[in-house]
Amino acid sequence: MRDPEQTIGNLIDHQNASFVGSVDEEGFPEIKAMLPPRRREGIRTFYFTTNTSSMRVRRYRAHPQACLYFMDRRFFRDVMPKGTMEVLEDAWAKELIWQDGDTTCYPLGVTDPTAACCALRPMRGATIRTSGRRTSPCRGRLARSRAHRRRDARAA
C-alpha cells in the first residue's frame, strides 16, 4: 500500500453505509448502520449527523468509546478506526456537515437545537486495518483436499 491514508480514504468514500459501534449501559458493544460520514479530515476525524435525542447521543455522552467499520465487498478489504466519539452541538460543527435537504429533519435549519454532529477521532496508534483478499477457511480446505486427491491419483 503506497499511501495508506489515500487507500483507506478511497475505500470509505465509495461506501453507501457505515457501521458505527458504541458501548451500551452494561458495557456491551452495539453496532448500528448509518449513512456514510458527512465529512472526514483524512483518516483523523469522521463527522456524522444525528439527532440530539437519539439513543446513540446518550450512549456517546456516557461512554465515548466507539468504532467505525467500512468494507469493500469486491476485494474483501475493510477498515475499522477506533477511538472516542464526541457529540458537537456548536454552530460551526453543524455548519460543517449541513447539506441541502437537512431542513426536512431539522426545520429550524442549521441552528435547530435537535441537530447534532458526532465526530470520531481515532486514537493515536489505533489499528486502522485493511485486510487484503481473503479466502474463507472452507474454500482453503476444499482446495487442499482437491490438491491431495490429485497428488494421490498421480501416485497411484
C-alpha atoms as a PDB file:
ATOM      1  CA  MET A   1       0.000   0.000   0.000  1.00  0.00           C
ATOM      2  CA  ARG A   2       1.790   3.096  -1.220  1.00  0.00           C
ATOM      3  CA  ASP A   3      -0.306   5.723   0.537  1.00  0.00           C
ATOM      4  CA  PRO A   4      -2.365   4.147   3.338  1.00  0.00           C
ATOM      5  CA  GLU A   5      -4.319   7.336   4.041  1.00  0.00           C
ATOM      6  CA  GLN A   6      -5.399   7.670   0.413  1.00  0.00           C
ATOM      7  CA  THR A   7      -6.202   3.959   0.084  1.00  0.00           C
ATOM      8  CA  ILE A   8      -8.291   3.956   3.254  1.00  0.00           C
ATOM      9  CA  GLY A   9      -9.954   7.243   2.295  1.00  0.00           C
ATOM     10  CA  ASN A  10     -10.933   5.863  -1.110  1.00  0.00           C
ATOM     11  CA  LEU A  11     -12.412   2.761   0.496  1.00  0.00           C
ATOM     12  CA  ILE A  12     -14.506   4.929   2.851  1.00  0.00           C
ATOM     13  CA  ASP A  13     -15.582   7.399   0.153  1.00  0.00           C
ATOM     14  CA  HIS A  14     -17.036   4.612  -2.007  1.00  0.00           C
ATOM     15  CA  GLN A  15     -19.357   3.215   0.670  1.00  0.00           C
ATOM     16  CA  ASN A  16     -23.080   3.867   0.851  1.00  0.00           C
ATOM     17  CA  ALA A  17     -23.275   2.849   4.515  1.00  0.00           C
ATOM     18  CA  SER A  18     -21.068   2.876   7.567  1.00  0.00           C
ATOM     19  CA  PHE A  19     -21.342   0.762  10.675  1.00  0.00           C
ATOM     20  CA  VAL A  20     -20.899   2.594  13.944  1.00  0.00           C
ATOM     21  CA  GLY A  21     -20.127   0.780  17.182  1.00  0.00           C
ATOM     22  CA  SER A  22     -20.910   2.048  20.646  1.00  0.00           C
ATOM     23  CA  VAL A  23     -20.996   0.688  24.190  1.00  0.00           C
ATOM     24  CA  ASP A  24     -24.325   0.277  25.994  1.00  0.00           C
ATOM     25  CA  GLU A  25     -25.082   0.928  29.665  1.00  0.00           C
ATOM     26  CA  GLU A  26     -23.986  -2.594  30.616  1.00  0.00           C
ATOM     27  CA  GLY A  27     -20.683  -2.334  28.743  1.00  0.00           C
ATOM     28  CA  PHE A  28     -21.707  -4.467  25.749  1.00  0.00           C
ATOM     29  CA  PRO A  29     -20.919  -3.430  22.174  1.00  0.00           C
ATOM     30  CA  GLU A  30     -23.677  -2.400  19.779  1.00  0.00           C
ATOM     31  CA  ILE A  31     -23.450  -1.797  16.045  1.00  0.00           C
ATOM     32  CA  LYS A  32     -25.717   0.466  14.007  1.00  0.00           C
ATOM     33  CA  ALA A  33     -25.784   1.044  10.262  1.00  0.00           C
ATOM     34  CA  MET A  34     -25.683   4.737   9.397  1.00  0.00           C
ATOM     35  CA  LEU A  35     -25.173   6.871   6.345  1.00  0.00           C
ATOM     36  CA  PRO A  36     -21.502   7.423   5.487  1.00  0.00           C
ATOM     37  CA  PRO A  37     -19.663  10.258   7.222  1.00  0.00           C
ATOM     38  CA  ARG A  38     -20.810  13.682   6.055  1.00  0.00           C
ATOM     39  CA  ARG A  39     -17.231  14.839   6.127  1.00  0.00           C
ATOM     40  CA  ARG A  40     -13.841  13.491   7.041  1.00  0.00           C
ATOM     41  CA  GLU A  41     -10.447  15.019   7.631  1.00  0.00           C
ATOM     42  CA  GLY A  42      -8.163  12.421   6.148  1.00  0.00           C
ATOM     43  CA  ILE A  43      -8.469   9.416   8.412  1.00  0.00           C
ATOM     44  CA  ARG A  44      -8.061  11.548  11.543  1.00  0.00           C
ATOM     45  CA  THR A  45     -11.660  12.741  12.088  1.00  0.00           C
ATOM     46  CA  PHE A  46     -15.016  11.481  10.810  1.00  0.00           C
ATOM     47  CA  TYR A  47     -18.168  13.617  11.104  1.00  0.00           C
ATOM     48  CA  PHE A  48     -21.727  12.246  11.205  1.00  0.00           C
ATOM     49  CA  THR A  49     -25.102  13.903  11.596  1.00  0.00           C
ATOM     50  CA  THR A  50     -27.590  12.777  14.214  1.00  0.00           C
ATOM     51  CA  ASN A  51     -30.418  13.937  16.433  1.00  0.00           C
ATOM     52  CA  THR A  52     -29.690  15.173  19.964  1.00  0.00           C
ATOM     53  CA  SER A  53     -32.494  12.978  21.352  1.00  0.00           C
ATOM     54  CA  SER A  54     -31.120   9.789  19.798  1.00  0.00           C
ATOM     55  CA  MET A  55     -30.073   6.790  21.852  1.00  0.00           C
ATOM     56  CA  ARG A  56     -26.577   6.983  20.319  1.00  0.00           C
ATOM     57  CA  VAL A  57     -26.024  10.528  21.558  1.00  0.00           C
ATOM     58  CA  ARG A  58     -26.894   9.410  25.091  1.00  0.00           C
ATOM     59  CA  ARG A  59     -24.504   6.464  24.738  1.00  0.00           C
ATOM     60  CA  TYR A  60     -21.621   8.545  23.407  1.00  0.00           C
ATOM     61  CA  ARG A  61     -22.003  11.037  26.216  1.00  0.00           C
ATOM     62  CA  ALA A  62     -21.902   8.243  28.811  1.00  0.00           C
ATOM     63  CA  HIS A  63     -19.291   6.047  27.072  1.00  0.00           C
ATOM     64  CA  PRO A  64     -17.426   7.832  24.265  1.00  0.00           C
ATOM     65  CA  GLN A  65     -15.563   4.699  23.135  1.00  0.00           C
ATOM     66  CA  ALA A  66     -16.627   3.942  19.568  1.00  0.00           C
ATOM     67  CA  CYS A  67     -15.552   2.433  16.295  1.00  0.00           C
ATOM     68  CA  LEU A  68     -16.494   2.632  12.639  1.00  0.00           C
ATOM     69  CA  TYR A  69     -16.458  -0.180  10.135  1.00  0.00           C
ATOM     70  CA  PHE A  70     -16.265   0.049   6.362  1.00  0.00           C
ATOM     71  CA  MET A  71     -15.935  -2.872   3.963  1.00  0.00           C
ATOM     72  CA  ASP A  72     -15.131  -3.185   0.292  1.00  0.00           C
ATOM     73  CA  ARG A  73     -17.015  -6.376  -0.624  1.00  0.00           C
ATOM     74  CA  ARG A  74     -15.428  -6.681  -4.039  1.00  0.00           C
ATOM     75  CA  PHE A  75     -11.891  -7.096  -2.714  1.00  0.00           C
ATOM     76  CA  PHE A  76     -12.875  -8.153   0.822  1.00  0.00           C
ATOM     77  CA  ARG A  77     -10.917  -5.315   2.396  1.00  0.00           C
ATOM     78  CA  ASP A  78     -12.033  -3.498   5.498  1.00  0.00           C
ATOM     79  CA  VAL A  79     -11.065  -0.716   7.814  1.00  0.00           C
ATOM     80  CA  MET A  80     -12.065  -0.155  11.436  1.00  0.00           C
ATOM     81  CA  PRO A  81     -10.953   3.085  13.074  1.00  0.00           C
ATOM     82  CA  LYS A  82     -11.433   3.028  16.865  1.00  0.00           C
ATOM     83  CA  GLY A  83     -11.443   5.984  19.191  1.00  0.00           C
ATOM     84  CA  THR A  84     -13.709   8.374  21.018  1.00  0.00           C
ATOM     85  CA  MET A  85     -16.929   9.852  19.674  1.00  0.00           C
ATOM     86  CA  GLU A  86     -17.625  13.440  20.634  1.00  0.00           C
ATOM     87  CA  VAL A  87     -21.110  14.973  20.381  1.00  0.00           C
ATOM     88  CA  LEU A  88     -20.817  18.503  18.979  1.00  0.00           C
ATOM     89  CA  GLU A  89     -23.734  20.923  19.168  1.00  0.00           C
ATOM     90  CA  ASP A  90     -21.870  24.099  18.276  1.00  0.00           C
ATOM     91  CA  ALA A  91     -22.989  26.111  15.251  1.00  0.00           C
ATOM     92  CA  TRP A  92     -19.629  25.671  13.487  1.00  0.00           C
ATOM     93  CA  ALA A  93     -19.903  21.843  13.726  1.00  0.00           C
ATOM     94  CA  LYS A  94     -23.447  21.825  12.360  1.00  0.00           C
ATOM     95  CA  GLU A  95     -22.447  24.147   9.521  1.00  0.00           C
ATOM     96  CA  LEU A  96     -19.518  21.876   8.745  1.00  0.00           C
ATOM     97  CA  ILE A  97     -21.793  18.938   7.908  1.00  0.00           C
ATOM     98  CA  TRP A  98     -25.003  20.740   6.853  1.00  0.00           C
ATOM     99  CA  GLN A  99     -26.429  19.710   3.457  1.00  0.00           C
ATOM    100  CA  ASP A 100     -29.331  20.872   1.324  1.00  0.00           C
ATOM    101  CA  GLY A 101     -32.372  18.879   2.335  1.00  0.00           C
ATOM    102  CA  ASP A 102     -31.480  18.682   6.022  1.00  0.00           C
ATOM    103  CA  THR A 103     -34.381  21.027   6.750  1.00  0.00           C
ATOM    104  CA  THR A 104     -36.753  18.079   6.246  1.00  0.00           C
ATOM    105  CA  CYS A 105     -35.426  16.632   9.517  1.00  0.00           C
ATOM    106  CA  TYR A 106     -34.367  19.900  11.131  1.00  0.00           C
ATOM    107  CA  PRO A 107     -36.935  22.564  10.122  1.00  0.00           C
ATOM    108  CA  LEU A 108     -35.177  25.346  12.036  1.00  0.00           C
ATOM    109  CA  GLY A 109     -32.131  24.937   9.825  1.00  0.00           C
ATOM    110  CA  VAL A 110     -28.537  24.785  10.941  1.00  0.00           C
ATOM    111  CA  THR A 111     -29.433  26.388  14.273  1.00  0.00           C
ATOM    112  CA  ASP A 112     -32.022  23.683  15.092  1.00  0.00           C
ATOM    113  CA  PRO A 113     -31.348  22.552  18.675  1.00  0.00           C
ATOM    114  CA  THR A 114     -32.258  18.947  17.807  1.00  0.00           C
ATOM    115  CA  ALA A 115     -29.447  18.669  15.232  1.00  0.00           C
ATOM    116  CA  ALA A 116     -26.053  17.417  16.355  1.00  0.00           C
ATOM    117  CA  CYS A 117     -22.766  16.393  14.878  1.00  0.00           C
ATOM    118  CA  CYS A 118     -20.824  13.366  16.087  1.00  0.00           C
ATOM    119  CA  ALA A 119     -17.085  13.344  15.496  1.00  0.00           C
ATOM    120  CA  LEU A 120     -14.991  10.192  15.804  1.00  0.00           C
ATOM    121  CA  ARG A 121     -11.306  10.824  16.348  1.00  0.00           C
ATOM    122  CA  PRO A 122      -9.347   7.593  16.131  1.00  0.00           C
ATOM    123  CA  MET A 123      -6.805   7.060  18.883  1.00  0.00           C
ATOM    124  CA  ARG A 124      -3.153   7.567  18.138  1.00  0.00           C
ATOM    125  CA  GLY A 125      -1.766   4.152  17.409  1.00  0.00           C
ATOM    126  CA  ALA A 126      -5.223   2.628  16.950  1.00  0.00           C
ATOM    127  CA  THR A 127      -5.369  -0.088  14.368  1.00  0.00           C
ATOM    128  CA  ILE A 128      -6.814   1.036  11.111  1.00  0.00           C
ATOM    129  CA  ARG A 129      -6.554  -2.185   9.230  1.00  0.00           C
ATOM    130  CA  THR A 130      -7.014  -3.184   5.676  1.00  0.00           C
ATOM    131  CA  SER A 131      -7.088  -6.880   5.256  1.00  0.00           C
ATOM    132  CA  GLY A 132      -6.271  -7.954   1.750  1.00  0.00           C
ATOM    133  CA  ARG A 133      -8.191 -10.501  -0.242  1.00  0.00           C
ATOM    134  CA  ARG A 134      -9.005 -13.444   1.967  1.00  0.00           C
ATOM    135  CA  THR A 135     -10.110 -16.944   1.237  1.00  0.00           C
ATOM    136  CA  SER A 136     -12.693 -18.434   3.525  1.00  0.00           C
ATOM    137  CA  PRO A 137     -11.471 -21.352   5.642  1.00  0.00           C
ATOM    138  CA  CYS A 138     -13.874 -23.682   3.827  1.00  0.00           C
ATOM    139  CA  ARG A 139     -12.519 -22.752   0.413  1.00  0.00           C
ATOM    140  CA  GLY A 140      -8.984 -23.286   1.640  1.00  0.00           C
ATOM    141  CA  ARG A 141      -9.792 -26.771   2.946  1.00  0.00           C
ATOM    142  CA  LEU A 142     -11.608 -27.631  -0.273  1.00  0.00           C
ATOM    143  CA  ALA A 143      -8.654 -26.516  -2.388  1.00  0.00           C
ATOM    144  CA  ARG A 144      -6.259 -28.526  -0.210  1.00  0.00           C
ATOM    145  CA  SER A 145      -8.431 -31.633  -0.409  1.00  0.00           C
ATOM    146  CA  ARG A 146      -8.558 -31.352  -4.239  1.00  0.00           C
ATOM    147  CA  ALA A 147      -4.781 -30.987  -4.368  1.00  0.00           C
ATOM    148  CA  HIS A 148      -4.371 -34.047  -2.134  1.00  0.00           C
ATOM    149  CA  ARG A 149      -6.730 -36.079  -4.344  1.00  0.00           C
ATOM    150  CA  ARG A 150      -4.783 -35.100  -7.477  1.00  0.00           C
ATOM    151  CA  ARG A 151      -1.496 -35.922  -5.785  1.00  0.00           C
ATOM    152  CA  ASP A 152      -2.848 -39.268  -4.564  1.00  0.00           C
ATOM    153  CA  ALA A 153      -4.239 -40.051  -8.042  1.00  0.00           C
ATOM    154  CA  ARG A 154      -0.825 -39.363  -9.629  1.00  0.00           C
ATOM    155  CA  ALA A 155       0.913 -41.539  -7.062  1.00  0.00           C
ATOM    156  CA  ALA A 156      -1.429 -44.475  -7.718  1.00  0.00           C
END
